[in-house]
Amino acid sequence: FVAPKMDPATPSNNMALSSKRQTKSKKTEMNIEEVFASVSNVQASGLNPPPARTVLTPRSAESCLKHGINPEILRIRDLESFFDPNVDPAIQRMRHEAYSQRRHEMMGLVRAERKKIVNAEVAAGQGASGETGLTPGAILAAQSKANATFVELEEKRMLKMKKRQEKEIEQMLQFEVKMADIAEERERRAKLEADKEERRKREKMKRSKLLAEERRLKELRRAAMADAEEEMRLQKQRQMHSKEKAIQAEKEAKERALKRDAKLKEEERVKKAEEHRIQTQRILEQQQAAIKAKMEEMDAAEELRQQRIHEEQELEKKQMEEKRKAVEERIARNMKMAAKIEEKRKKEFHEKQRHHEQLREEHLQAQERDRELQARQQQLMEQRRLLVLAQTRRDDERRKEALRQAFVDEEINVQRVREDRERHQMLMKEKKNLKTAMKLENVNRIKRIAEYKRLETLRNIHEGDKRIEMMLNRKNEIVEARRSNAISVKITKDNLIKVMDDAKANGNKASKLIKQFLSGGSVGSTESGAKKNK
C-alpha cells in the first residue's frame, strides 16, 4: 500500500502488491495504531505533507482507502517541524494545533472503520486460527462456500417438497376413505330424519285440531263475557243517573241558602257603613272645634310676644344711649393722653437725632480707617497676585511638559495597538487560510473516497456477474429436477384419481383397491382387478 496517491486496492492489486513486497523489499507491515504512534520525519510548514511510502496491514489499508486518508497525516509532528523563518511563531503554533486536531479526527474515522471491518469478519466466521488478515483467496473461498451452501439448501428444500407431496397423496387417500364413510353415515341419518319428519307431521296435524277446538271454545266464552259486561255497564249507567239527580238537587238547595246569607250580609254591611259615616262626621266636628280654640290661643300669645319685643327694644335704646355717652367720655380722655405722648415723642426724637449725628461722625472716621487698611491690603494682594502668576506660569510649563510626554506615550501606544491589530489580522488571515486548506483537503479526500467506491463497485459487479452466472447454471439444473419431480407427482396423482374412480364405481371393493394402492400395487394390476370384478 502506498498512501492515497495510488489506486484503491482490489483483490488483484492486493495480490500484485504482496508479490512485489516479497520480491522487491522486505518492509514490515504496520497497522494504523503503529502509524499513529510513530513520529514523522517531514519538515514542512504546511498542513498537508507529501505522501510517503508506508506499508500497511490489509485492514488498516482498507480503512484508509475507504476514507481517502493519507497515512502520513496520522503521524506525530512536533512544533519544530512547522518552522519557517518567514512565518510568525504564533502562526507556527496555530498550524501545529490545527494539524494535531485534524490528526485525531482522522484517526477516529480510521479506528471506527477498522472496527467495523473486524466485526464484519467475526460475524461472517472469517479470520480463524491466528490469521490476522483476509486475503483475496479467502474471499473467493468464502463466496464458493456460500454458493455451495445455497445449493445444499435448495436440494434439501426439494427433498422436503417431495416428502410433502407424498404426504399430501396419503392425506388425499385417507380423505376419500373418510368421505365414503361419511356418505354412508349421511344416508343412514337422512333415513332417520325422514322417519322423524313423518312423525312430526302427524303430531302437528293432531295439535292443529286441538288448537282449533280450543279457539272455538274461547270464542264462545268471550261472547258470553261480553254480554255480561254490557249488562253491568247499563246497570252502572242507571245508578250514575240517579246519583247525578240527587247531587243536582243538593246543589240547588245550597245555592238558595247562599243567596239568603249574601242578602243578610249586604244589609248588615250598609248598616255598619252608615254608623261609620256618622261617627266620622262627629270626630271631624270635634277636631275643627279643637283647631279653632288652638288658633285663638296662638293669636293671644302673638300679641303678648309683640308687646314683649317692643319693651325690649325700648330698653335696648336706653342702653345704647348710655354706651354712646361712655364712649364720648373715653375719647376725650384719650385725646388728652395722646397730646402728652406726642410731646414726649418729640423730645425722644430730638435726642435720637443728636445720637445719630454722633454715630455718623464715628462711622465716617471708621470708614476712613477702613479705606487706609484696604489700600494696604490691595498692595499686599497685588504682590500676592504677582507671586501666584509666577507660580501659574511654572505650573503651565510643567503641564505642557507632561502633555508632551503623554503625547509621546500615546504615539507609542498607538503604534503598539497598530502592530497588535496587524498581527491579529495576520492570525485571522492565517486561520482562514488553514480552514480553506482543510476544506480543500476534505474535498480531495471526498474525491479519493468516491474513486475508491467506484473501483470497489466495479469489482463487486464483476464478482457478482460470475456468481450470478454460476447460480443461473445451478438454477437451470434445479428447475429440470423440479420439472421431472412434478411430472412424476402428476402421474401418481392421475393413478390415484383412477383408483378413486374405480373405488367409487365398485363400493364393495373400494377399501381393497385403496389398500392395494397404498401397499404399492401398480396401476395396471389395479385396473385389471377392477375389470374382473365387473
Protein backbone atom coordinates (compact mmCIF):
# COMPACT_ATOMS: atom_id res chain seq x y z
CA PHE A 1 0.00 0.00 0.00
CA VAL A 2 1.31 3.39 -0.99
CA ALA A 3 -0.68 6.15 0.66
CA PRO A 4 -3.75 7.54 -1.14
CA LYS A 5 -1.84 8.65 -4.26
CA MET A 6 -2.09 5.05 -5.60
CA ASP A 7 -5.26 3.40 -6.95
CA PRO A 8 -7.52 1.83 -4.30
CA ALA A 9 -6.79 -1.80 -3.56
CA THR A 10 -8.63 -4.56 -5.42
CA PRO A 11 -8.07 -8.32 -4.95
CA SER A 12 -5.76 -8.41 -7.99
CA ASN A 13 -3.93 -5.27 -6.87
CA ASN A 14 -3.52 -6.73 -3.37
CA MET A 15 -2.06 -9.93 -4.82
CA ALA A 16 0.33 -7.96 -7.06
CA LEU A 17 1.37 -5.79 -4.14
CA SER A 18 2.01 -8.83 -1.93
CA SER A 19 4.21 -10.40 -4.64
CA LYS A 20 6.11 -7.11 -5.04
CA ARG A 21 6.69 -6.96 -1.29
CA GLN A 22 8.11 -10.48 -1.37
CA THR A 23 10.38 -9.83 -4.34
CA LYS A 24 11.46 -6.19 -4.13
CA SER A 25 11.57 -5.30 -0.44
CA LYS A 26 11.10 -6.76 2.96
CA LYS A 27 9.37 -3.79 4.57
CA THR A 28 7.44 -4.60 7.71
CA GLU A 29 3.67 -4.06 7.57
CA MET A 30 2.34 -1.54 10.10
CA ASN A 31 -1.16 -1.30 11.48
CA ILE A 32 -2.87 2.03 11.94
CA GLU A 33 -2.11 2.27 15.68
CA GLU A 34 1.62 1.91 15.00
CA VAL A 35 1.42 4.64 12.35
CA PHE A 36 -0.46 6.88 14.78
CA ALA A 37 2.24 6.36 17.46
CA SER A 38 5.18 6.92 15.06
CA VAL A 39 6.94 10.29 14.53
CA SER A 40 7.04 11.92 11.11
CA ASN A 41 10.34 12.99 9.56
CA VAL A 42 8.69 15.58 7.32
CA GLN A 43 9.91 19.18 7.62
CA ALA A 44 7.22 21.37 6.03
CA SER A 45 5.37 24.44 7.20
CA GLY A 46 2.06 23.36 5.55
CA LEU A 47 -0.70 21.10 6.93
CA ASN A 48 -0.58 18.58 4.07
CA PRO A 49 2.84 16.84 3.86
CA PRO A 50 3.77 14.96 0.69
CA PRO A 51 2.75 11.28 0.72
CA ALA A 52 5.35 8.73 1.82
CA ARG A 53 5.58 5.02 1.01
CA THR A 54 4.00 3.35 4.06
CA VAL A 55 3.28 -0.41 4.06
CA LEU A 56 0.02 -1.09 5.97
CA THR A 57 -1.81 -4.21 7.05
CA PRO A 58 -4.85 -5.14 4.90
CA ARG A 59 -7.45 -3.87 7.39
CA SER A 60 -5.57 -0.62 8.02
CA ALA A 61 -5.05 -0.08 4.29
CA GLU A 62 -8.75 -0.67 3.57
CA SER A 63 -9.75 1.71 6.39
CA CYS A 64 -7.52 4.49 4.97
CA LEU A 65 -8.71 3.87 1.42
CA LYS A 66 -12.41 3.97 2.37
CA HIS A 67 -11.96 7.42 3.89
CA GLY A 68 -9.32 8.71 1.43
CA ILE A 69 -6.81 9.43 4.21
CA ASN A 70 -3.05 9.81 3.69
CA PRO A 71 -1.36 7.76 6.47
CA GLU A 72 1.39 10.39 6.71
CA ILE A 73 -1.05 12.90 8.30
CA LEU A 74 -1.67 10.41 11.14
CA ARG A 75 1.98 10.52 12.30
CA ILE A 76 3.17 12.72 15.17
CA ARG A 77 4.72 16.08 14.18
CA ASP A 78 6.31 18.37 16.75
CA LEU A 79 6.19 22.15 16.69
CA GLU A 80 9.70 22.44 15.18
CA SER A 81 8.64 20.55 12.05
CA PHE A 82 6.45 23.56 11.07
CA PHE A 83 9.37 26.02 11.33
CA ASP A 84 9.61 28.69 8.64
CA PRO A 85 11.89 31.75 9.07
CA ASN A 86 9.35 33.95 7.28
CA VAL A 87 6.41 32.90 9.50
CA ASP A 88 5.43 34.28 12.90
CA PRO A 89 5.78 31.78 15.82
CA ALA A 90 2.05 32.22 16.63
CA ILE A 91 1.15 31.11 13.10
CA GLN A 92 3.53 28.19 13.53
CA ARG A 93 1.71 27.17 16.76
CA MET A 94 -1.68 27.63 15.07
CA ARG A 95 -0.66 25.31 12.22
CA HIS A 96 0.64 22.73 14.69
CA GLU A 97 -2.64 22.82 16.69
CA ALA A 98 -4.76 22.52 13.51
CA TYR A 99 -2.60 19.56 12.35
CA SER A 100 -2.95 17.81 15.76
CA GLN A 101 -6.72 18.34 15.84
CA ARG A 102 -7.18 17.01 12.29
CA ARG A 103 -4.81 14.09 13.07
CA HIS A 104 -7.03 12.93 15.99
CA GLU A 105 -10.25 13.40 13.97
CA MET A 106 -8.94 11.34 11.05
CA MET A 107 -7.63 8.69 13.44
CA GLY A 108 -11.11 8.43 14.95
CA LEU A 109 -12.59 7.79 11.49
CA VAL A 110 -9.96 5.16 10.62
CA ARG A 111 -10.35 3.38 14.01
CA ALA A 112 -14.14 3.22 13.62
CA GLU A 113 -13.85 1.85 10.08
CA ARG A 114 -11.27 -0.75 11.10
CA LYS A 115 -13.54 -1.85 13.97
CA LYS A 116 -16.44 -2.25 11.50
CA ILE A 117 -14.26 -4.41 9.25
CA VAL A 118 -13.16 -6.62 12.18
CA ASN A 119 -16.76 -7.01 13.42
CA ALA A 120 -17.92 -7.90 9.90
CA GLU A 121 -15.21 -10.58 9.62
CA VAL A 122 -16.10 -12.02 13.03
CA ALA A 123 -19.80 -12.06 12.13
CA ALA A 124 -19.09 -13.85 8.84
CA GLY A 125 -16.98 -16.50 10.58
CA GLN A 126 -13.74 -15.44 8.96
CA GLY A 127 -10.26 -14.90 10.41
CA ALA A 128 -9.76 -18.21 12.30
CA SER A 129 -6.67 -19.90 13.85
CA GLY A 130 -4.41 -16.90 14.25
CA GLU A 131 -4.98 -15.27 10.86
CA THR A 132 -4.75 -11.52 11.12
CA GLY A 133 -6.00 -10.55 7.61
CA LEU A 134 -8.45 -11.56 4.87
CA THR A 135 -6.73 -12.43 1.58
CA PRO A 136 -8.41 -12.46 -1.84
CA GLY A 137 -8.20 -16.25 -1.94
CA ALA A 138 -10.02 -16.43 1.39
CA ILE A 139 -12.71 -14.12 -0.01
CA LEU A 140 -13.22 -16.36 -3.07
CA ALA A 141 -13.27 -19.48 -0.88
CA ALA A 142 -15.89 -17.89 1.35
CA GLN A 143 -18.02 -16.98 -1.69
CA SER A 144 -17.71 -20.54 -3.07
CA LYS A 145 -18.70 -21.93 0.30
CA ALA A 146 -21.71 -19.59 0.38
CA ASN A 147 -22.75 -20.76 -3.12
CA ALA A 148 -22.35 -24.43 -2.12
CA THR A 149 -24.42 -23.81 0.97
CA PHE A 150 -27.14 -22.28 -1.20
CA VAL A 151 -27.18 -25.36 -3.45
CA GLU A 152 -27.37 -27.70 -0.45
CA LEU A 153 -30.26 -25.67 0.93
CA GLU A 154 -32.06 -25.87 -2.44
CA GLU A 155 -31.59 -29.67 -2.58
CA LYS A 156 -32.89 -30.03 0.98
CA ARG A 157 -35.86 -27.90 0.03
CA MET A 158 -36.58 -30.19 -2.96
CA LEU A 159 -36.45 -33.28 -0.69
CA LYS A 160 -38.83 -31.63 1.73
CA MET A 161 -41.15 -30.75 -1.16
CA LYS A 162 -41.11 -34.40 -2.38
CA LYS A 163 -41.91 -35.68 1.11
CA ARG A 164 -44.67 -33.14 1.44
CA GLN A 165 -46.19 -34.23 -1.90
CA GLU A 166 -46.11 -37.90 -0.79
CA LYS A 167 -47.78 -36.92 2.43
CA GLU A 168 -50.41 -34.97 0.50
CA ILE A 169 -51.19 -38.08 -1.60
CA GLU A 170 -51.61 -40.17 1.56
CA GLN A 171 -53.85 -37.48 3.03
CA MET A 172 -55.95 -37.48 -0.18
CA LEU A 173 -56.45 -41.26 0.06
CA GLN A 174 -57.36 -41.04 3.73
CA PHE A 175 -59.71 -38.19 2.90
CA GLU A 176 -61.50 -40.23 0.19
CA VAL A 177 -61.90 -43.20 2.58
CA LYS A 178 -63.22 -40.89 5.25
CA MET A 179 -65.59 -39.23 2.75
CA ALA A 180 -67.02 -42.66 1.77
CA ASP A 181 -67.67 -43.44 5.45
CA ILE A 182 -69.20 -40.02 5.89
CA ALA A 183 -71.51 -40.59 2.86
CA GLU A 184 -72.82 -43.87 4.34
CA GLU A 185 -73.37 -42.21 7.68
CA ARG A 186 -75.15 -39.34 5.91
CA GLU A 187 -77.56 -41.74 4.13
CA ARG A 188 -78.40 -43.52 7.40
CA ARG A 189 -79.03 -40.21 9.14
CA ALA A 190 -81.15 -38.98 6.21
CA LYS A 191 -83.44 -42.04 6.57
CA LEU A 192 -83.76 -41.43 10.30
CA GLU A 193 -84.56 -37.80 9.67
CA ALA A 194 -87.31 -38.74 7.16
CA ASP A 195 -88.98 -41.02 9.75
CA LYS A 196 -88.77 -38.29 12.35
CA GLU A 197 -90.25 -35.75 9.91
CA GLU A 198 -93.28 -38.07 9.21
CA ARG A 199 -93.97 -38.49 12.91
CA ARG A 200 -93.58 -34.74 13.40
CA LYS A 201 -96.18 -34.03 10.66
CA ARG A 202 -98.74 -36.40 12.21
CA GLU A 203 -98.25 -34.84 15.63
CA LYS A 204 -98.56 -31.36 14.13
CA MET A 205 -101.94 -32.19 12.48
CA LYS A 206 -103.25 -33.55 15.78
CA ARG A 207 -102.10 -30.41 17.64
CA SER A 208 -103.74 -28.16 14.99
CA LYS A 209 -107.12 -29.92 15.50
CA LEU A 210 -106.86 -29.49 19.27
CA LEU A 211 -105.95 -25.85 18.89
CA ALA A 212 -108.95 -25.21 16.58
CA GLU A 213 -111.33 -26.73 19.20
CA GLU A 214 -109.75 -24.62 21.94
CA ARG A 215 -110.12 -21.44 19.81
CA ARG A 216 -113.88 -22.20 19.24
CA LEU A 217 -114.47 -22.66 23.00
CA LYS A 218 -112.58 -19.44 23.73
CA GLU A 219 -114.78 -17.51 21.25
CA LEU A 220 -117.95 -18.78 22.96
CA ARG A 221 -116.65 -17.83 26.40
CA ARG A 222 -115.59 -14.39 25.11
CA ALA A 223 -119.12 -13.71 23.67
CA ALA A 224 -120.74 -14.69 26.99
CA MET A 225 -118.41 -12.41 28.91
CA ALA A 226 -119.19 -9.52 26.52
CA ASP A 227 -122.96 -9.87 27.15
CA ALA A 228 -122.41 -9.90 30.92
CA GLU A 229 -120.20 -6.81 30.72
CA GLU A 230 -122.84 -4.94 28.64
CA GLU A 231 -125.49 -5.70 31.28
CA MET A 232 -123.21 -4.47 34.07
CA ARG A 233 -122.45 -1.30 32.10
CA LEU A 234 -126.18 -0.46 31.71
CA GLN A 235 -126.78 -1.03 35.40
CA LYS A 236 -123.88 1.28 36.31
CA GLN A 237 -125.29 3.99 33.98
CA ARG A 238 -128.70 3.86 35.74
CA GLN A 239 -127.02 4.16 39.14
CA MET A 240 -124.93 7.11 37.95
CA HIS A 241 -128.05 8.89 36.59
CA SER A 242 -129.84 8.63 39.93
CA LYS A 243 -126.75 9.88 41.79
CA GLU A 244 -126.43 12.86 39.44
CA LYS A 245 -130.10 13.86 40.10
CA ALA A 246 -129.54 13.77 43.91
CA ILE A 247 -126.34 15.82 43.55
CA GLN A 248 -128.16 18.41 41.39
CA ALA A 249 -130.98 18.82 43.95
CA GLU A 250 -128.48 19.22 46.78
CA LYS A 251 -126.57 21.78 44.74
CA GLU A 252 -129.71 23.90 44.11
CA ALA A 253 -130.55 23.88 47.86
CA LYS A 254 -127.04 25.07 48.71
CA GLU A 255 -127.29 27.89 46.14
CA ARG A 256 -130.57 29.13 47.65
CA ALA A 257 -129.03 29.13 51.16
CA LEU A 258 -126.02 31.05 49.87
CA LYS A 259 -128.23 33.71 48.28
CA ARG A 260 -130.07 34.24 51.61
CA ASP A 261 -126.83 34.59 53.51
CA ALA A 262 -125.46 37.07 50.94
CA LYS A 263 -128.60 39.25 51.23
CA LEU A 264 -128.33 39.36 55.03
CA LYS A 265 -124.63 40.22 54.84
CA GLU A 266 -125.33 43.08 52.40
CA GLU A 267 -127.97 44.64 54.73
CA GLU A 268 -125.61 44.39 57.68
CA ARG A 269 -122.79 45.98 55.63
CA VAL A 270 -124.98 49.00 54.69
CA LYS A 271 -125.96 49.50 58.30
CA LYS A 272 -122.37 49.43 59.50
CA ALA A 273 -121.33 51.88 56.76
CA GLU A 274 -123.98 54.41 57.90
CA GLU A 275 -122.81 54.11 61.52
CA HIS A 276 -119.23 54.63 60.42
CA ARG A 277 -120.18 57.77 58.45
CA ILE A 278 -121.98 59.32 61.44
CA GLN A 279 -119.06 58.55 63.75
CA THR A 280 -116.56 60.04 61.28
CA GLN A 281 -118.59 63.26 60.96
CA ARG A 282 -118.70 63.63 64.74
CA ILE A 283 -114.93 63.20 65.00
CA LEU A 284 -114.36 65.85 62.30
CA GLU A 285 -116.55 68.38 64.14
CA GLN A 286 -114.59 67.78 67.36
CA GLN A 287 -111.27 68.24 65.53
CA GLN A 288 -112.43 71.53 63.93
CA ALA A 289 -113.50 72.90 67.38
CA ALA A 290 -110.12 71.98 68.86
CA ILE A 291 -108.27 73.66 65.96
CA LYS A 292 -110.34 76.87 66.39
CA ALA A 293 -109.55 77.05 70.11
CA LYS A 294 -105.87 76.49 69.42
CA MET A 295 -105.85 79.32 66.83
CA GLU A 296 -107.33 81.74 69.39
CA GLU A 297 -104.65 80.77 71.91
CA MET A 298 -101.94 81.35 69.28
CA ASP A 299 -103.31 84.88 68.49
CA ALA A 300 -103.20 85.86 72.18
CA ALA A 301 -99.66 84.52 72.53
CA GLU A 302 -98.59 86.53 69.41
CA GLU A 303 -99.94 89.76 70.93
CA LEU A 304 -98.02 89.11 74.16
CA ARG A 305 -94.84 88.36 72.18
CA GLN A 306 -95.13 91.66 70.18
CA GLN A 307 -95.60 93.62 73.38
CA ARG A 308 -92.52 91.97 74.96
CA ILE A 309 -90.41 92.72 71.88
CA HIS A 310 -91.42 96.42 71.99
CA GLU A 311 -90.40 96.66 75.63
CA GLU A 312 -87.05 95.02 74.88
CA GLN A 313 -86.40 97.46 72.00
CA GLU A 314 -87.04 100.45 74.32
CA LEU A 315 -84.66 99.01 76.89
CA GLU A 316 -82.00 98.45 74.23
CA LYS A 317 -82.29 102.06 73.04
CA LYS A 318 -81.63 103.32 76.59
CA GLN A 319 -78.61 101.03 76.92
CA MET A 320 -77.18 102.24 73.57
CA GLU A 321 -77.53 105.87 74.62
CA GLU A 322 -75.65 105.19 77.82
CA LYS A 323 -72.88 103.36 75.91
CA ARG A 324 -72.55 106.26 73.44
CA LYS A 325 -72.05 108.75 76.30
CA ALA A 326 -69.41 106.50 77.89
CA VAL A 327 -67.53 106.24 74.54
CA GLU A 328 -67.51 110.01 74.08
CA GLU A 329 -66.03 110.46 77.56
CA ARG A 330 -63.34 107.80 76.84
CA ILE A 331 -62.39 109.51 73.55
CA ALA A 332 -61.92 112.85 75.33
CA ARG A 333 -59.62 111.21 77.86
CA ASN A 334 -57.67 109.51 75.10
CA MET A 335 -57.16 112.82 73.23
CA LYS A 336 -55.60 114.32 76.28
CA MET A 337 -53.33 111.32 76.76
CA ALA A 338 -52.33 111.41 73.06
CA ALA A 339 -51.23 115.06 73.32
CA LYS A 340 -48.96 114.18 76.25
CA ILE A 341 -47.50 111.21 74.37
CA GLU A 342 -46.83 113.34 71.25
CA GLU A 343 -44.87 115.84 73.33
CA LYS A 344 -42.80 113.07 74.84
CA ARG A 345 -42.16 111.57 71.41
CA LYS A 346 -40.82 114.86 70.04
CA LYS A 347 -38.31 115.04 72.90
CA GLU A 348 -37.16 111.49 72.24
CA PHE A 349 -36.83 112.21 68.50
CA HIS A 350 -34.52 115.15 69.09
CA GLU A 351 -32.43 113.03 71.48
CA LYS A 352 -32.16 110.25 68.92
CA GLN A 353 -31.22 112.71 66.17
CA ARG A 354 -28.32 114.01 68.20
CA HIS A 355 -27.22 110.48 69.00
CA HIS A 356 -27.36 109.55 65.32
CA GLU A 357 -25.27 112.55 64.35
CA GLN A 358 -22.66 111.41 66.80
CA LEU A 359 -22.76 107.88 65.45
CA ARG A 360 -22.43 109.16 61.85
CA GLU A 361 -19.29 111.05 62.77
CA GLU A 362 -17.84 107.93 64.34
CA HIS A 363 -18.83 105.89 61.29
CA LEU A 364 -17.13 108.31 58.91
CA GLN A 365 -13.98 108.08 60.92
CA ALA A 366 -14.16 104.29 60.87
CA GLN A 367 -14.66 104.35 57.09
CA GLU A 368 -11.57 106.47 56.69
CA ARG A 369 -9.57 103.99 58.70
CA ASP A 370 -11.05 101.14 56.62
CA ARG A 371 -10.05 102.83 53.37
CA GLU A 372 -6.50 103.11 54.59
CA LEU A 373 -6.48 99.41 55.59
CA GLN A 374 -7.99 98.46 52.24
CA ALA A 375 -5.30 100.36 50.35
CA ARG A 376 -2.61 98.46 52.26
CA GLN A 377 -4.48 95.17 51.62
CA GLN A 378 -4.64 95.94 47.88
CA GLN A 379 -0.91 96.44 47.82
CA LEU A 380 -0.46 93.06 49.55
CA MET A 381 -2.95 91.44 47.13
CA GLU A 382 -1.02 92.82 44.14
CA GLN A 383 2.19 91.34 45.50
CA ARG A 384 0.41 88.01 46.09
CA ARG A 385 -1.07 88.09 42.56
CA LEU A 386 2.36 88.54 41.07
CA LEU A 387 3.64 85.58 43.08
CA VAL A 388 0.65 83.42 42.02
CA LEU A 389 1.12 84.45 38.39
CA ALA A 390 4.73 83.35 38.51
CA GLN A 391 3.69 80.05 40.13
CA THR A 392 0.97 79.57 37.47
CA ARG A 393 3.46 80.11 34.69
CA ARG A 394 5.75 77.49 36.19
CA ASP A 395 2.75 75.07 36.55
CA ASP A 396 1.83 75.70 32.91
CA GLU A 397 5.34 74.86 31.84
CA ARG A 398 5.25 71.63 33.85
CA ARG A 399 1.77 70.77 32.41
CA LYS A 400 2.99 71.41 28.89
CA GLU A 401 5.94 69.13 29.52
CA ALA A 402 3.58 66.43 30.92
CA LEU A 403 1.29 66.79 27.87
CA ARG A 404 4.24 66.44 25.52
CA GLN A 405 5.30 63.29 27.37
CA ALA A 406 1.68 61.94 27.27
CA PHE A 407 1.54 62.63 23.54
CA VAL A 408 4.76 60.69 23.05
CA ASP A 409 3.36 57.82 25.16
CA GLU A 410 0.11 57.93 23.14
CA GLU A 411 2.07 57.70 19.92
CA ILE A 412 3.94 54.68 21.29
CA ASN A 413 0.64 53.08 22.42
CA VAL A 414 -0.99 53.74 19.02
CA GLN A 415 2.00 52.15 17.31
CA ARG A 416 1.71 49.11 19.61
CA VAL A 417 -2.05 48.82 19.03
CA ARG A 418 -1.49 49.08 15.28
CA GLU A 419 1.10 46.33 15.45
CA ASP A 420 -1.25 44.18 17.57
CA ARG A 421 -4.10 44.75 15.10
CA GLU A 422 -1.89 43.90 12.15
CA ARG A 423 -0.73 40.77 13.97
CA HIS A 424 -4.36 39.85 14.79
CA GLN A 425 -5.36 40.38 11.17
CA MET A 426 -2.43 38.27 10.10
CA LEU A 427 -3.52 35.49 12.52
CA MET A 428 -7.14 35.70 11.32
CA LYS A 429 -5.94 35.52 7.73
CA GLU A 430 -3.81 32.50 8.60
CA LYS A 431 -6.78 30.89 10.36
CA LYS A 432 -8.90 31.48 7.26
CA ASN A 433 -6.14 30.03 5.08
CA LEU A 434 -5.94 26.99 7.37
CA LYS A 435 -9.71 26.47 7.10
CA THR A 436 -9.50 26.82 3.34
CA ALA A 437 -6.62 24.35 3.17
CA MET A 438 -8.50 21.86 5.38
CA LYS A 439 -11.66 22.25 3.27
CA LEU A 440 -9.60 21.68 0.13
CA GLU A 441 -8.06 18.59 1.72
CA ASN A 442 -11.57 17.35 2.62
CA VAL A 443 -12.69 17.89 -0.98
CA ASN A 444 -9.71 15.91 -2.25
CA ARG A 445 -10.39 13.21 0.36
CA ILE A 446 -14.04 13.01 -0.77
CA LYS A 447 -12.83 12.61 -4.37
CA ARG A 448 -10.50 9.80 -3.29
CA ILE A 449 -13.40 8.16 -1.40
CA ALA A 450 -15.62 8.41 -4.49
CA GLU A 451 -12.89 6.88 -6.67
CA TYR A 452 -12.40 4.03 -4.17
CA LYS A 453 -16.16 3.40 -4.08
CA ARG A 454 -16.30 3.42 -7.88
CA LEU A 455 -13.49 0.84 -8.20
CA GLU A 456 -14.96 -1.22 -5.37
CA THR A 457 -18.35 -1.16 -7.12
CA LEU A 458 -16.78 -2.31 -10.38
CA ARG A 459 -15.05 -5.18 -8.58
CA ASN A 460 -18.29 -6.17 -6.83
CA ILE A 461 -20.13 -6.03 -10.17
CA HIS A 462 -17.52 -8.31 -11.79
CA GLU A 463 -17.67 -10.82 -8.93
CA GLY A 464 -21.46 -10.57 -8.90
CA ASP A 465 -21.62 -11.38 -12.60
CA LYS A 466 -19.52 -14.50 -12.05
CA ARG A 467 -21.63 -15.57 -9.09
CA ILE A 468 -24.86 -14.91 -11.00
CA GLU A 469 -23.67 -16.96 -13.97
CA MET A 470 -22.80 -19.89 -11.70
CA MET A 471 -26.12 -19.53 -9.86
CA LEU A 472 -28.07 -19.44 -13.14
CA ASN A 473 -26.44 -22.71 -14.25
CA ARG A 474 -27.27 -24.33 -10.95
CA LYS A 475 -30.79 -22.88 -11.11
CA ASN A 476 -31.35 -24.48 -14.51
CA GLU A 477 -30.31 -27.84 -13.08
CA ILE A 478 -32.66 -27.38 -10.11
CA VAL A 479 -35.52 -26.34 -12.44
CA GLU A 480 -35.03 -29.50 -14.50
CA ALA A 481 -35.06 -31.59 -11.33
CA ARG A 482 -38.23 -29.87 -10.17
CA ARG A 483 -39.89 -30.42 -13.55
CA SER A 484 -39.14 -34.15 -13.53
CA ASN A 485 -40.33 -34.40 -9.93
CA ALA A 486 -43.56 -32.54 -10.79
CA ILE A 487 -44.19 -34.92 -13.72
CA SER A 488 -43.77 -37.98 -11.50
CA VAL A 489 -46.09 -36.46 -8.88
CA LYS A 490 -48.66 -35.68 -11.61
CA ILE A 491 -48.57 -39.30 -12.84
CA THR A 492 -49.00 -40.56 -9.28
CA LYS A 493 -51.97 -38.23 -8.70
CA ASP A 494 -53.60 -39.35 -12.00
CA ASN A 495 -53.22 -43.00 -10.98
CA LEU A 496 -54.71 -42.15 -7.61
CA ILE A 497 -57.70 -40.43 -9.24
CA LYS A 498 -58.32 -43.52 -11.43
CA VAL A 499 -58.17 -45.74 -8.35
CA MET A 500 -60.63 -43.48 -6.56
CA ASP A 501 -63.00 -43.51 -9.56
CA ASP A 502 -62.88 -47.34 -9.61
CA ALA A 503 -63.45 -47.40 -5.89
CA LYS A 504 -66.50 -45.13 -6.24
CA ALA A 505 -67.86 -47.31 -9.09
CA ASN A 506 -67.49 -50.51 -7.04
CA GLY A 507 -68.22 -49.68 -3.43
CA ASN A 508 -67.66 -53.24 -2.18
CA LYS A 509 -64.09 -53.28 -3.47
CA ALA A 510 -63.25 -49.63 -2.59
CA SER A 511 -61.31 -50.31 0.59
CA LYS A 512 -59.47 -53.22 -1.06
CA LEU A 513 -58.43 -51.07 -4.04
CA ILE A 514 -57.26 -48.23 -1.81
CA LYS A 515 -55.24 -50.58 0.41
CA GLN A 516 -53.70 -52.18 -2.66
CA PHE A 517 -52.65 -48.72 -3.96
CA LEU A 518 -51.22 -47.76 -0.58
CA SER A 519 -49.27 -51.03 -0.35
CA GLY A 520 -47.54 -50.11 -3.65
CA GLY A 521 -49.53 -52.00 -6.22
CA SER A 522 -49.24 -50.90 -9.86
CA VAL A 523 -51.93 -49.06 -11.70
CA GLY A 524 -52.24 -51.77 -14.37
CA SER A 525 -52.86 -54.56 -11.85
CA THR A 526 -55.41 -52.40 -10.12
CA GLU A 527 -57.26 -51.71 -13.36
CA SER A 528 -57.29 -55.45 -14.33
CA GLY A 529 -58.63 -56.33 -10.93
CA ALA A 530 -61.39 -53.80 -11.33
CA LYS A 531 -62.35 -55.27 -14.79
CA LYS A 532 -62.52 -58.82 -13.39
CA ASN A 533 -64.80 -57.62 -10.62
CA LYS A 534 -67.06 -56.02 -13.18
